[in-house]
Protein backbone atom coordinates (compact mmCIF):
# COMPACT_ATOMS: atom_id res chain seq x y z
CA MET A 1 -12.58 45.61 59.45
CA SER A 2 -12.69 49.21 59.56
CA SER A 3 -10.91 51.90 61.05
CA THR A 4 -13.04 55.01 60.51
CA GLU A 5 -16.69 56.18 61.97
CA ASP A 6 -17.44 59.99 61.88
CA ASN A 7 -13.93 60.50 63.17
CA PHE A 8 -10.55 58.57 62.71
CA ARG A 9 -10.15 56.26 65.63
CA CYS A 10 -7.63 53.49 66.20
CA ARG A 11 -8.79 50.03 66.55
CA LEU A 12 -7.51 47.07 68.30
CA TYR A 13 -6.02 44.30 66.17
CA LEU A 14 -5.78 40.85 68.33
CA ILE A 15 -3.50 38.05 67.87
CA THR A 16 -3.64 34.88 69.49
CA PRO A 17 -0.98 33.44 71.74
CA PRO A 18 1.38 31.26 69.73
CA ARG A 19 0.40 27.90 71.77
CA LEU A 20 -3.20 27.34 72.85
CA GLU A 21 -5.74 24.52 73.57
CA PRO A 22 -8.39 25.88 71.37
CA ARG A 23 -11.47 24.71 73.55
CA ALA A 24 -10.13 26.16 76.89
CA PHE A 25 -9.08 29.33 75.06
CA ALA A 26 -12.29 29.97 73.40
CA ASP A 27 -13.64 31.01 77.03
CA THR A 28 -10.70 33.49 77.38
CA LEU A 29 -11.51 34.55 73.80
CA ARG A 30 -14.94 35.34 74.92
CA MET A 31 -14.22 37.31 77.88
CA ALA A 32 -11.52 39.56 76.00
CA LEU A 33 -13.81 40.14 73.26
CA ASP A 34 -16.55 41.29 75.53
CA GLY A 35 -14.18 43.60 77.01
CA GLY A 36 -14.72 46.52 74.49
CA ASP A 37 -14.06 47.11 70.78
CA VAL A 38 -11.81 44.78 68.79
CA ALA A 39 -11.70 44.73 65.03
CA CYS A 40 -10.05 41.68 64.07
CA LEU A 41 -8.58 38.59 65.48
CA GLN A 42 -5.41 36.85 64.10
CA LEU A 43 -4.77 33.12 64.59
CA ARG A 44 -1.10 32.65 64.84
CA LEU A 45 -0.05 29.15 65.96
CA LYS A 46 3.57 28.40 66.47
CA ARG A 47 5.41 25.50 67.93
CA GLU A 48 7.83 25.86 70.83
CA ASP A 49 10.79 25.92 68.11
CA GLU A 50 8.86 28.75 65.97
CA THR A 51 7.85 26.03 63.28
CA PRO A 52 4.40 26.30 62.26
CA GLU A 53 1.61 23.99 63.62
CA SER A 54 0.06 21.28 61.62
CA ASP A 55 -2.72 21.80 59.47
CA ASP A 56 -4.92 19.64 61.68
CA ALA A 57 -4.12 21.74 64.69
CA ILE A 58 -4.95 24.96 62.72
CA ARG A 59 -8.05 23.74 61.50
CA ARG A 60 -9.21 22.80 64.95
CA ALA A 61 -8.56 26.29 66.28
CA ILE A 62 -10.39 27.96 63.45
CA GLU A 63 -13.42 25.72 64.16
CA ALA A 64 -13.27 26.49 67.83
CA LEU A 65 -12.23 30.26 67.82
CA MET A 66 -13.63 31.55 64.58
CA PRO A 67 -17.29 31.27 65.74
CA VAL A 68 -16.57 33.29 69.07
CA ALA A 69 -15.10 36.18 66.76
CA GLN A 70 -17.47 36.25 64.28
CA GLU A 71 -20.46 36.13 66.48
CA ARG A 72 -18.96 39.56 67.80
CA ASP A 73 -18.45 41.00 64.21
CA VAL A 74 -14.72 40.57 64.91
CA ALA A 75 -12.92 39.43 61.68
CA PHE A 76 -11.14 36.42 61.80
CA LEU A 77 -7.72 36.17 59.96
CA VAL A 78 -5.24 33.49 59.76
CA ASN A 79 -1.63 33.96 60.02
CA ASP A 80 0.73 32.64 57.15
CA ARG A 81 -2.09 30.33 55.55
CA PRO A 82 -4.55 31.84 53.08
CA ASP A 83 -5.01 28.28 51.82
CA LEU A 84 -6.61 27.47 55.20
CA ALA A 85 -8.43 30.78 55.75
CA ALA A 86 -10.11 30.04 52.38
CA GLU A 87 -10.78 26.43 53.09
CA MET A 88 -12.47 26.81 56.50
CA GLY A 89 -14.32 30.40 55.48
CA ALA A 90 -12.28 32.84 57.38
CA ASP A 91 -12.59 36.39 56.76
CA GLY A 92 -8.71 36.63 55.59
CA ALA A 93 -5.51 35.88 56.09
CA HIS A 94 -2.08 37.91 57.36
CA ILE A 95 1.04 37.09 55.22
CA GLY A 96 4.69 38.00 55.77
CA GLN A 97 7.44 38.21 53.73
CA ASP A 98 8.46 34.58 54.04
CA ASP A 99 5.02 33.29 53.47
CA MET A 100 3.04 33.13 50.42
CA PRO A 101 3.23 35.85 47.45
CA TYR A 102 0.50 38.76 47.78
CA ALA A 103 -1.05 37.61 44.40
CA GLU A 104 -1.14 33.92 45.19
CA ALA A 105 -2.88 34.85 48.43
CA ARG A 106 -5.43 37.27 46.86
CA LYS A 107 -6.05 34.70 44.18
CA LEU A 108 -7.04 31.98 47.03
CA LEU A 109 -9.42 34.41 48.93
CA GLY A 110 -10.65 36.41 46.31
CA PRO A 111 -11.73 40.11 46.38
CA ASP A 112 -14.31 39.92 49.11
CA HIS A 113 -11.64 38.96 51.70
CA ILE A 114 -9.21 40.54 53.71
CA VAL A 115 -5.36 40.39 52.97
CA GLY A 116 -2.90 41.93 55.12
CA VAL A 117 0.73 42.23 54.66
CA THR A 118 3.74 42.70 56.97
CA CYS A 119 6.23 45.16 55.51
CA HIS A 120 8.57 45.56 58.65
CA ASP A 121 9.87 49.05 58.03
CA ASN A 122 10.16 49.03 54.27
CA ARG A 123 8.18 51.85 52.77
CA HIS A 124 8.95 50.77 49.04
CA LEU A 125 7.39 47.21 49.85
CA ALA A 126 4.29 48.98 51.71
CA MET A 127 3.72 51.03 48.69
CA GLU A 128 3.95 48.07 46.08
CA VAL A 129 1.59 45.95 48.01
CA ALA A 130 -0.92 48.35 48.72
CA GLU A 131 -0.91 49.68 44.99
CA ARG A 132 -1.56 45.83 44.35
CA GLY A 133 -4.48 45.80 46.55
CA ALA A 134 -3.56 44.67 50.06
CA ASP A 135 -6.09 45.66 52.71
CA TYR A 136 -3.75 46.81 55.11
CA VAL A 137 0.07 46.96 55.57
CA ALA A 138 1.55 46.19 59.04
CA PHE A 139 4.58 47.88 60.06
CA GLY A 140 6.89 46.89 63.08
CA ALA A 141 8.54 45.71 65.32
CA PHE A 142 8.01 49.03 67.15
CA TYR A 143 9.09 47.68 70.49
CA PRO A 144 11.04 44.73 71.92
CA THR A 145 8.65 41.52 71.86
CA ASP A 146 9.05 37.98 73.43
CA THR A 147 6.04 36.76 70.87
CA LYS A 148 8.49 36.32 67.81
CA ASN A 149 12.00 37.13 66.57
CA ALA A 150 11.48 40.74 65.26
CA LYS A 151 13.58 41.19 61.90
CA SER A 152 13.46 44.96 61.79
CA VAL A 153 12.84 47.75 64.10
CA ALA A 154 10.37 50.57 63.06
CA ASP A 155 9.97 54.19 64.29
CA PRO A 156 6.44 55.57 64.90
CA GLU A 157 7.27 58.20 62.17
CA ILE A 158 6.74 55.71 59.21
CA LEU A 159 3.01 55.82 60.70
CA ALA A 160 2.72 59.47 60.50
CA TRP A 161 4.34 58.93 56.99
CA TRP A 162 2.09 56.27 56.04
CA SER A 163 -1.21 58.19 57.30
CA GLU A 164 -0.59 61.53 55.60
CA VAL A 165 0.23 60.03 51.97
CA PHE A 166 -2.04 56.52 51.82
CA GLU A 167 -5.55 55.76 52.35
CA VAL A 168 -4.83 51.86 52.79
CA PRO A 169 -4.87 51.30 56.62
CA CYS A 170 -1.91 50.77 58.37
CA VAL A 171 -1.30 48.14 61.44
CA ALA A 172 1.40 48.82 64.06
CA ILE A 173 2.69 45.68 65.59
CA GLY A 174 5.46 44.59 68.00
CA GLY A 175 5.76 44.70 71.76
CA ILE A 176 2.68 46.88 72.10
CA LYS A 177 1.46 47.19 75.71
CA THR A 178 -0.88 49.63 77.57
CA ASP A 179 2.28 51.47 78.85
CA ASN A 180 3.56 52.15 75.30
CA ALA A 181 0.62 52.23 72.95
CA ALA A 182 -0.32 55.84 72.96
CA PRO A 183 2.68 57.14 70.73
CA LEU A 184 1.73 54.62 67.95
CA VAL A 185 -2.00 56.21 67.90
CA ARG A 186 -0.66 59.72 68.18
CA ALA A 187 1.50 58.78 65.14
CA GLY A 188 -1.24 57.48 62.95
CA ALA A 189 -1.79 53.69 63.51
CA ASP A 190 -5.17 52.81 62.15
CA PHE A 191 -4.74 49.57 64.11
CA LEU A 192 -2.76 48.43 67.08
CA ALA A 193 -1.94 44.61 66.82
CA VAL A 194 -1.45 43.13 70.48
CA SER A 195 -0.95 39.78 71.69
CA SER A 196 0.69 39.34 75.05
CA GLY A 197 -0.06 42.67 75.98
CA VAL A 198 -3.67 41.50 76.16
CA TRP A 199 -3.17 37.60 77.20
CA THR A 200 -0.66 38.53 79.86
CA TYR A 201 -2.19 41.88 81.21
CA PRO A 202 -2.22 41.65 85.10
CA GLU A 203 -6.11 42.28 85.60
CA GLY A 204 -6.81 39.81 82.67
CA PRO A 205 -7.55 40.17 78.99
CA ALA A 206 -11.04 41.75 79.20
CA ALA A 207 -9.38 44.62 81.53
CA ALA A 208 -6.66 44.91 78.81
CA VAL A 209 -9.09 45.44 76.04
CA ARG A 210 -10.90 47.87 78.15
CA ALA A 211 -7.55 49.77 78.91
CA PHE A 212 -6.45 49.76 74.97
CA ASN A 213 -9.74 51.07 73.88
CA HIS A 214 -9.72 53.85 76.40
CA ILE A 215 -6.09 54.92 75.32
CA MET A 216 -7.10 54.69 71.46
CA SER A 217 -10.30 57.00 72.27
CA GLU A 218 -8.11 59.55 74.16
CA GLU A 219 -5.22 59.60 71.76
CA SER A 220 -6.95 59.07 68.29
CA VAL A 221 -7.40 62.51 66.39
CA SER A 222 -9.93 63.75 64.16
CA SER A 223 -9.94 62.90 60.59
């Protein structure tokens, strides 16, 4: 999961819909990933009441979707559950502030797997987890989102500050769509985390991935 080649280029970080039927969604995922460059896919499953899905439901989704991602060199991350990520052979996990502590997640996954951490709009927290070895920090929400109840509102300036001071990649998250993504790329986001902005795109997920790649190519700045 890299954001740099010869020049800085922001990349797409896909998040699954919170509710899905794994086998059917695998076909949708294939189409989306074949639409263009995608750095990683985060499996994020929630019930209607926002409570986590059962372990077995998460395992079934991993079994169906992880091969689709990994066959295309797209890193596969599991939201909230480093234990299941380790058990199922995923590339890593994403944890929030109400989930397992970073140190415990790192112990479960080891040094060679990805552990990313939600930091909302908290600069001190981001610096702390980066110093402890997090592979990326996630800031947001930048825009209103229907996917989850955002606990904070972030300003793009936090991306500019982070990218100027730190080498650990930063992920922008929260309500990102093709019509509002450009300012976040210009501000310095290494990755744009997108869910409904891809899955509900009028022309379909593959077209959304192409559109996001075009925006990121146009707006990314030379390193």
